[in-house]
Amino acid sequence: MADYEIAEFLESYATALGPEPDEVIEAMGAQAREEGFPYVGPAVGGWLAMLARFSDAERVFEFGSGFGYSAYWFARELPEDGQVVLTEIDEGELDQAREYLDRGGLADRAAFEHGDAIETVERYDGPFDVVLIDCQKERYAEAFEAVRGKVAPGGIVAADNVVAGGSIDAGDLRAYFEEGGGSDGADGGADRSAMNGMTEGIADYLDTVRAADAFETTLLPLGEGVSVSHRTW
């Protein structure tokens, strides 16, 4: 199999094995495909749901929510008094998210915040059991720094697009981290001067979260790549 065939195979296989989507999730997916809107897809959505289960999540914060696809997967796993905080700069997309979660009977588990996600998180005290970072790639590290102290021990920070999406160059990222990256202050780290802005934003984020005390990070190679960081203490 070619690399792209393996990726497609794993994606469809993971989707088939993952949690069952409902009619609202299917409608949201259909909208994303029709409009060419970037979304995590059912394989990653199912994993986000499992991360919420693994951490017994009661509170979730999203940096960038679009029209609510990932938030819907999270909300299904929360207790009735749980909360997922959606943030979105596009008011129309946030309105659609509200409509979809209401349609699924989950809107009472959601807070809908219009505006800059990094400014929004400053108004919340935490703790959060799961955080999803899916905003401007150049601001991923900034988002992590804004929320890291509000992640509960045992909680999880997931970041989408750490392999692909937009102009992200997976080859540059792999080469950079195979050379040692910039974590742990290893001789100043590998060179990333040739990276474009989005790729460097992902490299900067991964350097930051891998060097952060109390966080351990790994890669979930589904969708466009999701890094999963566990707060150990």
C-alpha atoms as a PDB file:
ATOM      1  CA  MET A   1       0.000   0.000   0.000  1.00  0.00           C
ATOM      2  CA  ALA A   2       1.106   3.554  -0.705  1.00  0.00           C
ATOM      3  CA  ASP A   3       1.360   5.893   2.297  1.00  0.00           C
ATOM      4  CA  TYR A   4      -1.856   7.735   1.422  1.00  0.00           C
ATOM      5  CA  GLU A   5      -3.692   4.412   1.008  1.00  0.00           C
ATOM      6  CA  ILE A   6      -2.540   3.302   4.467  1.00  0.00           C
ATOM      7  CA  ALA A   7      -3.743   6.591   5.962  1.00  0.00           C
ATOM      8  CA  GLU A   8      -7.158   6.251   4.310  1.00  0.00           C
ATOM      9  CA  PHE A   9      -7.356   2.600   5.386  1.00  0.00           C
ATOM     10  CA  LEU A  10      -6.588   3.430   9.019  1.00  0.00           C
ATOM     11  CA  GLU A  11      -9.046   6.339   8.995  1.00  0.00           C
ATOM     12  CA  SER A  12     -11.933   4.210   7.708  1.00  0.00           C
ATOM     13  CA  TYR A  13     -10.978   1.322  10.008  1.00  0.00           C
ATOM     14  CA  ALA A  14     -10.864   3.589  13.076  1.00  0.00           C
ATOM     15  CA  THR A  15     -14.204   5.115  12.085  1.00  0.00           C
ATOM     16  CA  ALA A  16     -15.795   1.666  11.829  1.00  0.00           C
ATOM     17  CA  LEU A  17     -14.461   0.620  15.247  1.00  0.00           C
ATOM     18  CA  GLY A  18     -15.118   3.912  17.035  1.00  0.00           C
ATOM     19  CA  PRO A  19     -18.140   5.162  18.973  1.00  0.00           C
ATOM     20  CA  GLU A  20     -21.328   5.243  16.934  1.00  0.00           C
ATOM     21  CA  PRO A  21     -22.235   8.669  15.521  1.00  0.00           C
ATOM     22  CA  ASP A  22     -25.822   9.869  15.797  1.00  0.00           C
ATOM     23  CA  GLU A  23     -27.895  11.632  13.145  1.00  0.00           C
ATOM     24  CA  VAL A  24     -26.700  15.074  14.248  1.00  0.00           C
ATOM     25  CA  ILE A  25     -23.038  14.108  13.919  1.00  0.00           C
ATOM     26  CA  GLU A  26     -23.776  12.678  10.486  1.00  0.00           C
ATOM     27  CA  ALA A  27     -25.532  15.910   9.457  1.00  0.00           C
ATOM     28  CA  MET A  28     -22.588  17.983  10.680  1.00  0.00           C
ATOM     29  CA  GLY A  29     -20.157  15.793   8.777  1.00  0.00           C
ATOM     30  CA  ALA A  30     -22.260  16.105   5.629  1.00  0.00           C
ATOM     31  CA  GLN A  31     -22.207  19.897   5.931  1.00  0.00           C
ATOM     32  CA  ALA A  32     -18.428  19.925   6.388  1.00  0.00           C
ATOM     33  CA  ARG A  33     -17.860  17.754   3.326  1.00  0.00           C
ATOM     34  CA  GLU A  34     -20.297  19.729   1.191  1.00  0.00           C
ATOM     35  CA  GLU A  35     -18.729  23.067   2.128  1.00  0.00           C
ATOM     36  CA  GLY A  36     -15.128  21.845   2.228  1.00  0.00           C
ATOM     37  CA  PHE A  37     -15.017  22.964   5.848  1.00  0.00           C
ATOM     38  CA  PRO A  38     -12.051  21.597   7.851  1.00  0.00           C
ATOM     39  CA  TYR A  39     -13.236  19.293  10.626  1.00  0.00           C
ATOM     40  CA  VAL A  40     -11.690  16.465  12.618  1.00  0.00           C
ATOM     41  CA  GLY A  41     -13.930  13.728  11.169  1.00  0.00           C
ATOM     42  CA  PRO A  42     -15.545  10.748  12.895  1.00  0.00           C
ATOM     43  CA  ALA A  43     -12.349   8.774  13.582  1.00  0.00           C
ATOM     44  CA  VAL A  44     -10.803  11.648  15.544  1.00  0.00           C
ATOM     45  CA  GLY A  45     -14.196  12.643  16.941  1.00  0.00           C
ATOM     46  CA  GLY A  46     -14.547   9.161  18.398  1.00  0.00           C
ATOM     47  CA  TRP A  47     -11.101   9.465  19.967  1.00  0.00           C
ATOM     48  CA  LEU A  48     -11.964  12.839  21.485  1.00  0.00           C
ATOM     49  CA  ALA A  49     -15.002  11.192  23.036  1.00  0.00           C
ATOM     50  CA  MET A  50     -12.773   8.440  24.439  1.00  0.00           C
ATOM     51  CA  LEU A  51     -10.330  10.979  25.871  1.00  0.00           C
ATOM     52  CA  ALA A  52     -13.251  12.558  27.693  1.00  0.00           C
ATOM     53  CA  ARG A  53     -14.220   9.161  29.053  1.00  0.00           C
ATOM     54  CA  PHE A  54     -10.669   8.247  30.077  1.00  0.00           C
ATOM     55  CA  SER A  55     -10.374  11.461  32.086  1.00  0.00           C
ATOM     56  CA  ASP A  56     -13.911  11.293  33.547  1.00  0.00           C
ATOM     57  CA  ALA A  57     -14.350  14.746  32.054  1.00  0.00           C
ATOM     58  CA  GLU A  58     -16.760  17.229  33.535  1.00  0.00           C
ATOM     59  CA  ARG A  59     -15.352  20.389  31.918  1.00  0.00           C
ATOM     60  CA  VAL A  60     -13.882  20.839  28.447  1.00  0.00           C
ATOM     61  CA  PHE A  61     -12.447  23.949  26.782  1.00  0.00           C
ATOM     62  CA  GLU A  62     -12.002  24.375  23.033  1.00  0.00           C
ATOM     63  CA  PHE A  63      -9.719  26.890  21.344  1.00  0.00           C
ATOM     64  CA  GLY A  64     -11.633  27.210  18.075  1.00  0.00           C
ATOM     65  CA  SER A  65     -14.924  25.364  17.625  1.00  0.00           C
ATOM     66  CA  GLY A  66     -16.196  26.067  14.116  1.00  0.00           C
ATOM     67  CA  PHE A  67     -19.801  24.945  13.947  1.00  0.00           C
ATOM     68  CA  GLY A  68     -19.413  22.592  16.890  1.00  0.00           C
ATOM     69  CA  TYR A  69     -18.407  19.208  15.464  1.00  0.00           C
ATOM     70  CA  SER A  70     -15.786  18.305  18.073  1.00  0.00           C
ATOM     71  CA  ALA A  71     -17.776  19.975  20.861  1.00  0.00           C
ATOM     72  CA  TYR A  72     -20.732  17.738  20.049  1.00  0.00           C
ATOM     73  CA  TRP A  73     -18.585  14.607  20.456  1.00  0.00           C
ATOM     74  CA  PHE A  74     -17.382  15.937  23.819  1.00  0.00           C
ATOM     75  CA  ALA A  75     -20.827  16.987  25.022  1.00  0.00           C
ATOM     76  CA  ARG A  76     -22.229  13.493  24.504  1.00  0.00           C
ATOM     77  CA  GLU A  77     -19.720  12.187  27.068  1.00  0.00           C
ATOM     78  CA  LEU A  78     -20.258  14.793  29.768  1.00  0.00           C
ATOM     79  CA  PRO A  79     -22.560  14.410  32.779  1.00  0.00           C
ATOM     80  CA  GLU A  80     -25.746  16.474  32.742  1.00  0.00           C
ATOM     81  CA  ASP A  81     -24.075  19.158  34.858  1.00  0.00           C
ATOM     82  CA  GLY A  82     -20.891  19.098  32.756  1.00  0.00           C
ATOM     83  CA  GLN A  83     -19.804  21.861  30.400  1.00  0.00           C
ATOM     84  CA  VAL A  84     -17.915  22.253  27.141  1.00  0.00           C
ATOM     85  CA  VAL A  85     -16.842  25.810  26.369  1.00  0.00           C
ATOM     86  CA  LEU A  86     -16.966  26.577  22.650  1.00  0.00           C
ATOM     87  CA  THR A  87     -15.028  29.563  21.330  1.00  0.00           C
ATOM     88  CA  GLU A  88     -15.355  30.934  17.823  1.00  0.00           C
ATOM     89  CA  ILE A  89     -14.484  34.216  16.137  1.00  0.00           C
ATOM     90  CA  ASP A  90     -17.122  33.660  13.423  1.00  0.00           C
ATOM     91  CA  GLU A  91     -20.506  34.432  14.958  1.00  0.00           C
ATOM     92  CA  GLY A  92     -22.410  32.630  12.204  1.00  0.00           C
ATOM     93  CA  GLU A  93     -20.518  29.394  12.840  1.00  0.00           C
ATOM     94  CA  LEU A  94     -21.140  29.706  16.572  1.00  0.00           C
ATOM     95  CA  ASP A  95     -24.860  30.114  15.899  1.00  0.00           C
ATOM     96  CA  GLN A  96     -24.782  26.917  13.844  1.00  0.00           C
ATOM     97  CA  ALA A  97     -22.996  25.142  16.707  1.00  0.00           C
ATOM     98  CA  ARG A  98     -25.735  26.245  19.080  1.00  0.00           C
ATOM     99  CA  GLU A  99     -28.391  24.932  16.700  1.00  0.00           C
ATOM    100  CA  TYR A 100     -26.685  21.557  16.315  1.00  0.00           C
ATOM    101  CA  LEU A 101     -26.155  21.027  20.041  1.00  0.00           C
ATOM    102  CA  ASP A 102     -29.723  22.104  20.724  1.00  0.00           C
ATOM    103  CA  ARG A 103     -30.940  19.637  18.096  1.00  0.00           C
ATOM    104  CA  GLY A 104     -29.061  16.878  19.920  1.00  0.00           C
ATOM    105  CA  GLY A 105     -30.418  17.945  23.312  1.00  0.00           C
ATOM    106  CA  LEU A 106     -26.936  18.944  24.473  1.00  0.00           C
ATOM    107  CA  ALA A 107     -27.015  22.749  24.432  1.00  0.00           C
ATOM    108  CA  ASP A 108     -27.451  22.906  28.212  1.00  0.00           C
ATOM    109  CA  ARG A 109     -23.983  21.331  28.535  1.00  0.00           C
ATOM    110  CA  ALA A 110     -22.353  24.048  26.433  1.00  0.00           C
ATOM    111  CA  ALA A 111     -21.185  27.635  26.838  1.00  0.00           C
ATOM    112  CA  PHE A 112     -20.960  29.537  23.547  1.00  0.00           C
ATOM    113  CA  GLU A 113     -18.267  32.228  23.548  1.00  0.00           C
ATOM    114  CA  HIS A 114     -17.954  34.591  20.585  1.00  0.00           C
ATOM    115  CA  GLY A 115     -14.502  36.136  20.254  1.00  0.00           C
ATOM    116  CA  ASP A 116     -10.832  35.373  20.660  1.00  0.00           C
ATOM    117  CA  ALA A 117     -10.319  32.043  22.403  1.00  0.00           C
ATOM    118  CA  ILE A 118      -7.135  33.073  24.219  1.00  0.00           C
ATOM    119  CA  GLU A 119      -8.839  36.156  25.619  1.00  0.00           C
ATOM    120  CA  THR A 120     -11.869  34.044  26.543  1.00  0.00           C
ATOM    121  CA  VAL A 121      -9.934  31.434  28.540  1.00  0.00           C
ATOM    122  CA  GLU A 122      -8.593  34.204  30.779  1.00  0.00           C
ATOM    123  CA  ARG A 123     -12.155  34.658  32.087  1.00  0.00           C
ATOM    124  CA  TYR A 124     -12.422  31.014  33.165  1.00  0.00           C
ATOM    125  CA  ASP A 125     -10.874  29.672  36.339  1.00  0.00           C
ATOM    126  CA  GLY A 126     -10.774  25.993  35.440  1.00  0.00           C
ATOM    127  CA  PRO A 127      -9.959  23.282  36.125  1.00  0.00           C
ATOM    128  CA  PHE A 128     -10.556  21.688  32.726  1.00  0.00           C
ATOM    129  CA  ASP A 129     -10.352  17.947  32.248  1.00  0.00           C
ATOM    130  CA  VAL A 130      -9.869  18.133  28.479  1.00  0.00           C
ATOM    131  CA  VAL A 131      -8.658  20.990  26.290  1.00  0.00           C
ATOM    132  CA  LEU A 132      -8.735  20.968  22.484  1.00  0.00           C
ATOM    133  CA  ILE A 133      -6.483  23.406  20.623  1.00  0.00           C
ATOM    134  CA  ASP A 134      -7.651  24.000  17.063  1.00  0.00           C
ATOM    135  CA  CYS A 135      -7.215  27.732  16.462  1.00  0.00           C
ATOM    136  CA  GLN A 136      -4.616  29.645  14.403  1.00  0.00           C
ATOM    137  CA  LYS A 137      -1.581  27.365  14.189  1.00  0.00           C
ATOM    138  CA  GLU A 138       0.801  30.237  14.877  1.00  0.00           C
ATOM    139  CA  ARG A 139      -0.967  30.749  18.222  1.00  0.00           C
ATOM    140  CA  TYR A 140      -1.034  27.159  19.461  1.00  0.00           C
ATOM    141  CA  ALA A 141       1.847  27.667  21.897  1.00  0.00           C
ATOM    142  CA  GLU A 142       0.226  30.851  23.179  1.00  0.00           C
ATOM    143  CA  ALA A 143      -3.034  28.968  23.714  1.00  0.00           C
ATOM    144  CA  PHE A 144      -1.253  26.251  25.679  1.00  0.00           C
ATOM    145  CA  GLU A 145       0.519  28.749  27.893  1.00  0.00           C
ATOM    146  CA  ALA A 146      -2.821  30.461  28.581  1.00  0.00           C
ATOM    147  CA  VAL A 147      -4.499  27.245  29.723  1.00  0.00           C
ATOM    148  CA  ARG A 148      -1.775  24.939  31.086  1.00  0.00           C
ATOM    149  CA  GLY A 149      -2.268  26.025  34.684  1.00  0.00           C
ATOM    150  CA  LYS A 150      -6.006  25.402  34.386  1.00  0.00           C
ATOM    151  CA  VAL A 151      -5.707  21.773  33.257  1.00  0.00           C
ATOM    152  CA  ALA A 152      -6.645  19.360  36.029  1.00  0.00           C
ATOM    153  CA  PRO A 153      -4.066  16.787  37.146  1.00  0.00           C
ATOM    154  CA  GLY A 154      -4.820  13.744  35.031  1.00  0.00           C
ATOM    155  CA  GLY A 155      -6.321  16.016  32.379  1.00  0.00           C
ATOM    156  CA  ILE A 156      -5.566  16.077  28.676  1.00  0.00           C
ATOM    157  CA  VAL A 157      -4.594  18.717  26.138  1.00  0.00           C
ATOM    158  CA  ALA A 158      -5.187  17.648  22.523  1.00  0.00           C
ATOM    159  CA  ALA A 159      -4.070  19.690  19.513  1.00  0.00           C
ATOM    160  CA  ASP A 160      -5.306  19.083  15.963  1.00  0.00           C
ATOM    161  CA  ASN A 161      -3.311  19.509  12.725  1.00  0.00           C
ATOM    162  CA  VAL A 162       0.082  18.547  14.096  1.00  0.00           C
ATOM    163  CA  VAL A 163       0.793  16.615  10.876  1.00  0.00           C
ATOM    164  CA  ALA A 164      -1.217  18.260   8.116  1.00  0.00           C
ATOM    165  CA  GLY A 165      -3.691  20.984   7.203  1.00  0.00           C
ATOM    166  CA  GLY A 166      -3.350  24.262   5.339  1.00  0.00           C
ATOM    167  CA  SER A 167       0.302  24.809   4.448  1.00  0.00           C
ATOM    168  CA  ILE A 168       1.683  22.553   7.210  1.00  0.00           C
ATOM    169  CA  ASP A 169       4.627  20.514   5.912  1.00  0.00           C
ATOM    170  CA  ALA A 170       4.736  17.125   7.638  1.00  0.00           C
ATOM    171  CA  GLY A 171       8.150  16.337   6.140  1.00  0.00           C
ATOM    172  CA  ASP A 172       9.693  19.440   7.673  1.00  0.00           C
ATOM    173  CA  LEU A 173       8.152  18.611  11.041  1.00  0.00           C
ATOM    174  CA  ARG A 174       9.355  15.019  11.028  1.00  0.00           C
ATOM    175  CA  ALA A 175      12.866  16.015  10.026  1.00  0.00           C
ATOM    176  CA  TYR A 176      12.950  18.683  12.714  1.00  0.00           C
ATOM    177  CA  PHE A 177      11.928  16.339  15.526  1.00  0.00           C
ATOM    178  CA  GLU A 178      14.089  13.475  14.273  1.00  0.00           C
ATOM    179  CA  GLU A 179      16.996  15.923  14.616  1.00  0.00           C
ATOM    180  CA  GLY A 180      16.005  16.556  18.211  1.00  0.00           C
ATOM    181  CA  GLY A 181      13.589  19.435  17.900  1.00  0.00           C
ATOM    182  CA  GLY A 182      13.968  22.220  20.398  1.00  0.00           C
ATOM    183  CA  SER A 183      12.779  20.485  23.552  1.00  0.00           C
ATOM    184  CA  ASP A 184      14.816  20.173  26.732  1.00  0.00           C
ATOM    185  CA  GLY A 185      17.208  22.848  25.505  1.00  0.00           C
ATOM    186  CA  ALA A 186      19.187  20.284  23.495  1.00  0.00           C
ATOM    187  CA  ASP A 187      22.072  22.348  22.071  1.00  0.00           C
ATOM    188  CA  GLY A 188      19.656  25.040  21.029  1.00  0.00           C
ATOM    189  CA  GLY A 189      17.515  22.554  19.105  1.00  0.00           C
ATOM    190  CA  ALA A 190      17.362  21.682  15.418  1.00  0.00           C
ATOM    191  CA  ASP A 191      17.047  24.303  12.697  1.00  0.00           C
ATOM    192  CA  ARG A 192      13.536  25.333  11.632  1.00  0.00           C
ATOM    193  CA  SER A 193      14.420  28.498   9.718  1.00  0.00           C
ATOM    194  CA  ALA A 194      13.111  27.085   6.411  1.00  0.00           C
ATOM    195  CA  MET A 195       9.641  26.332   7.798  1.00  0.00           C
ATOM    196  CA  ASN A 196       6.600  28.326   6.707  1.00  0.00           C
ATOM    197  CA  GLY A 197       4.521  30.098   9.350  1.00  0.00           C
ATOM    198  CA  MET A 198       1.942  27.374   9.986  1.00  0.00           C
ATOM    199  CA  THR A 199       4.548  24.617  10.151  1.00  0.00           C
ATOM    200  CA  GLU A 200       6.697  26.636  12.533  1.00  0.00           C
ATOM    201  CA  GLY A 201       3.639  27.316  14.686  1.00  0.00           C
ATOM    202  CA  ILE A 202       3.117  23.568  15.104  1.00  0.00           C
ATOM    203  CA  ALA A 203       6.827  23.025  15.796  1.00  0.00           C
ATOM    204  CA  ASP A 204       6.765  25.801  18.384  1.00  0.00           C
ATOM    205  CA  TYR A 205       3.705  24.270  20.061  1.00  0.00           C
ATOM    206  CA  LEU A 206       5.182  20.785  20.201  1.00  0.00           C
ATOM    207  CA  ASP A 207       8.478  22.134  21.543  1.00  0.00           C
ATOM    208  CA  THR A 208       6.548  24.030  24.214  1.00  0.00           C
ATOM    209  CA  VAL A 209       4.287  21.222  25.367  1.00  0.00           C
ATOM    210  CA  ARG A 210       7.051  18.598  25.299  1.00  0.00           C
ATOM    211  CA  ALA A 211       9.232  20.791  27.503  1.00  0.00           C
ATOM    212  CA  ALA A 212       6.405  21.625  29.932  1.00  0.00           C
ATOM    213  CA  ASP A 213       6.701  20.251  33.433  1.00  0.00           C
ATOM    214  CA  ALA A 214       4.009  17.693  34.293  1.00  0.00           C
ATOM    215  CA  PHE A 215       2.973  17.015  30.668  1.00  0.00           C
ATOM    216  CA  GLU A 216       3.755  13.924  28.613  1.00  0.00           C
ATOM    217  CA  THR A 217       2.976  14.050  24.893  1.00  0.00           C
ATOM    218  CA  THR A 218       2.378  11.535  22.129  1.00  0.00           C
ATOM    219  CA  LEU A 219       0.978  11.537  18.579  1.00  0.00           C
ATOM    220  CA  LEU A 220      -2.360  10.109  17.488  1.00  0.00           C
ATOM    221  CA  PRO A 221      -1.838   9.475  13.737  1.00  0.00           C
ATOM    222  CA  LEU A 222      -5.434   9.867  12.595  1.00  0.00           C
ATOM    223  CA  GLY A 223      -7.105  12.646  10.626  1.00  0.00           C
ATOM    224  CA  GLU A 224      -4.567  15.430  10.191  1.00  0.00           C
ATOM    225  CA  GLY A 225      -2.632  14.340  13.255  1.00  0.00           C
ATOM    226  CA  VAL A 226      -3.551  14.982  16.885  1.00  0.00           C
ATOM    227  CA  SER A 227      -1.015  15.440  19.665  1.00  0.00           C
ATOM    228  CA  VAL A 228      -2.254  14.233  23.050  1.00  0.00           C
ATOM    229  CA  SER A 229      -0.613  15.602  26.191  1.00  0.00           C
ATOM    230  CA  HIS A 230      -1.427  14.149  29.611  1.00  0.00           C
ATOM    231  CA  ARG A 231      -0.949  16.214  32.740  1.00  0.00           C
ATOM    232  CA  THR A 232       0.690  13.799  35.125  1.00  0.00           C
ATOM    233  CA  TRP A 233       0.580  15.945  38.280  1.00  0.00           C
END
